[in-house]
C-alpha atoms as a PDB file:
ATOM      1  CA  MET A   1      16.044  17.442  -4.779  1.00  0.00           C
ATOM      2  CA  MET A   2      14.002  18.003  -8.181  1.00  0.00           C
ATOM      3  CA  TYR A   3      13.496  15.103  -9.975  1.00  0.00           C
ATOM      4  CA  ILE A   4      13.260  15.393 -13.942  1.00  0.00           C
ATOM      5  CA  HIS A   5      11.199  12.756 -15.577  1.00  0.00           C
ATOM      6  CA  PRO A   6      13.347  11.397 -18.033  1.00  0.00           C
ATOM      7  CA  THR A   7      10.696  10.957 -20.838  1.00  0.00           C
ATOM      8  CA  GLU A   8       8.577  14.028 -20.149  1.00  0.00           C
ATOM      9  CA  CYS A   9      11.432  16.328 -20.197  1.00  0.00           C
ATOM     10  CA  ILE A  10      11.363  18.676 -23.545  1.00  0.00           C
ATOM     11  CA  SER A  11      14.995  19.898 -23.034  1.00  0.00           C
ATOM     12  CA  CYS A  12      14.028  23.617 -22.660  1.00  0.00           C
ATOM     13  CA  GLY A  13      16.730  24.345 -20.228  1.00  0.00           C
ATOM     14  CA  LEU A  14      14.290  26.274 -18.056  1.00  0.00           C
ATOM     15  CA  CYS A  15      15.668  23.888 -15.030  1.00  0.00           C
ATOM     16  CA  LEU A  16      19.261  24.542 -15.629  1.00  0.00           C
ATOM     17  CA  SER A  17      18.447  28.350 -15.332  1.00  0.00           C
ATOM     18  CA  ILE A  18      16.874  27.926 -11.807  1.00  0.00           C
ATOM     19  CA  CYS A  19      18.559  25.344 -10.091  1.00  0.00           C
ATOM     20  CA  PRO A  20      20.592  27.274  -7.679  1.00  0.00           C
ATOM     21  CA  VAL A  21      23.811  24.771  -7.364  1.00  0.00           C
ATOM     22  CA  ASP A  22      24.104  24.143 -10.561  1.00  0.00           C
ATOM     23  CA  ALA A  23      23.541  20.502 -10.245  1.00  0.00           C
ATOM     24  CA  ILE A  24      21.174  19.741 -13.387  1.00  0.00           C
ATOM     25  CA  PHE A  25      22.900  18.739 -16.726  1.00  0.00           C
ATOM     26  CA  ALA A  26      21.476  17.993 -20.363  1.00  0.00           C
ATOM     27  CA  ASP A  27      22.200  14.602 -21.005  1.00  0.00           C
ATOM     28  CA  ASP A  28      25.040  14.770 -23.298  1.00  0.00           C
ATOM     29  CA  GLU A  29      26.734  17.011 -20.613  1.00  0.00           C
ATOM     30  CA  LEU A  30      26.401  14.773 -17.727  1.00  0.00           C
ATOM     31  CA  PRO A  31      29.382  13.926 -15.975  1.00  0.00           C
ATOM     32  CA  SER A  32      30.364  10.526 -15.557  1.00  0.00           C
ATOM     33  CA  HIS A  33      30.429  10.209 -11.886  1.00  0.00           C
ATOM     34  CA  GLU A  34      26.975  11.817 -11.994  1.00  0.00           C
ATOM     35  CA  GLY A  35      25.441   9.081 -14.432  1.00  0.00           C
ATOM     36  CA  ARG A  36      23.729   7.011 -11.489  1.00  0.00           C
ATOM     37  CA  PHE A  37      21.327   9.984 -11.296  1.00  0.00           C
ATOM     38  CA  LEU A  38      19.587   9.111 -14.654  1.00  0.00           C
ATOM     39  CA  ALA A  39      18.491   6.203 -13.246  1.00  0.00           C
ATOM     40  CA  ILE A  40      17.464   7.806  -9.859  1.00  0.00           C
ATOM     41  CA  ASN A  41      15.457  10.341 -11.660  1.00  0.00           C
ATOM     42  CA  ALA A  42      13.673   7.193 -13.463  1.00  0.00           C
ATOM     43  CA  GLU A  43      13.200   5.485 -10.322  1.00  0.00           C
ATOM     44  CA  PHE A  44      11.829   8.160  -8.414  1.00  0.00           C
ATOM     45  CA  PHE A  45       8.433   8.297 -10.418  1.00  0.00           C
ATOM     46  CA  GLY A  46       8.250   4.365  -9.864  1.00  0.00           C
ATOM     47  CA  GLU A  47       6.368   2.056  -7.715  1.00  0.00           C
ATOM     48  CA  GLY A  48       9.133   2.040  -5.476  1.00  0.00           C
ATOM     49  CA  VAL A  49       9.138   5.411  -4.837  1.00  0.00           C
ATOM     50  CA  THR A  50       6.172   7.850  -5.741  1.00  0.00           C
ATOM     51  CA  GLY A  51       4.445   5.519  -7.939  1.00  0.00           C
ATOM     52  CA  TRP A  52       3.253   8.430 -10.237  1.00  0.00           C
ATOM     53  CA  GLY A  53       4.339   6.809 -13.494  1.00  0.00           C
ATOM     54  CA  GLU A  54       4.301   9.980 -15.883  1.00  0.00           C
ATOM     55  CA  PRO A  55       2.894  12.598 -14.230  1.00  0.00           C
ATOM     56  CA  GLY A  56       2.352  14.850 -17.209  1.00  0.00           C
ATOM     57  CA  GLY A  57       4.649  17.844 -15.869  1.00  0.00           C
ATOM     58  CA  ALA A  58       5.285  19.447 -12.511  1.00  0.00           C
ATOM     59  CA  THR A  59       2.110  20.689 -11.000  1.00  0.00           C
ATOM     60  CA  ASP A  60       1.296  21.102  -6.979  1.00  0.00           C
ATOM     61  CA  LYS A  61      -0.385  17.685  -7.172  1.00  0.00           C
ATOM     62  CA  PHE A  62       2.962  15.912  -7.744  1.00  0.00           C
ATOM     63  CA  ARG A  63       5.114  17.661  -4.703  1.00  0.00           C
ATOM     64  CA  THR A  64       6.398  15.301  -2.093  1.00  0.00           C
ATOM     65  CA  ASP A  65       8.871  14.912   0.903  1.00  0.00           C
ATOM     66  CA  LEU A  66       9.781  11.437  -0.345  1.00  0.00           C
ATOM     67  CA  ASP A  67      13.193  10.886  -1.648  1.00  0.00           C
ATOM     68  CA  HIS A  68      14.641   8.030  -3.811  1.00  0.00           C
ATOM     69  CA  ALA A  69      16.636   5.886  -1.014  1.00  0.00           C
ATOM     70  CA  GLU A  70      19.956   6.731  -2.606  1.00  0.00           C
ATOM     71  CA  VAL A  71      19.248  10.438  -1.961  1.00  0.00           C
ATOM     72  CA  ALA A  72      17.493  10.366   1.253  1.00  0.00           C
ATOM     73  CA  GLY A  73      20.843   8.220   2.227  1.00  0.00           C
ATOM     74  CA  ALA A  74      23.670  10.401   1.339  1.00  0.00           C
ATOM     75  CA  PRO A  75      25.069  12.999   3.451  1.00  0.00           C
ATOM     76  CA  ARG A  76      23.552  16.267   3.780  1.00  0.00           C
ATOM     77  CA  LYS A  77      25.609  19.240   2.768  1.00  0.00           C
ATOM     78  CA  GLU A  78      25.094  22.546   4.377  1.00  0.00           C
ATOM     79  CA  SER A  79      22.845  24.757   2.119  1.00  0.00           C
ATOM     80  CA  ILE A  80      24.758  27.457   0.048  1.00  0.00           C
ATOM     81  CA  ILE A  81      21.388  29.143  -0.485  1.00  0.00           C
ATOM     82  CA  SER A  82      20.469  31.944   2.120  1.00  0.00           C
END
């Protein structure tokens, strides 16, 4: 999963164009059933998961195999990416 830092996002839309499964939404277009992911994204950067705080953008330094517990525990779907 790609996590987006809620206060560092500049709403440029680049992530929307590269997401292969159309799973990223602008805040004002987020379907109500996906609302929990706003908190999951914020919690991912906190002490409970990565402890990165505000990393200042996506760089190789901030790559990890860690996932938020709710994401890690979710049933895996087969990849539609070949």
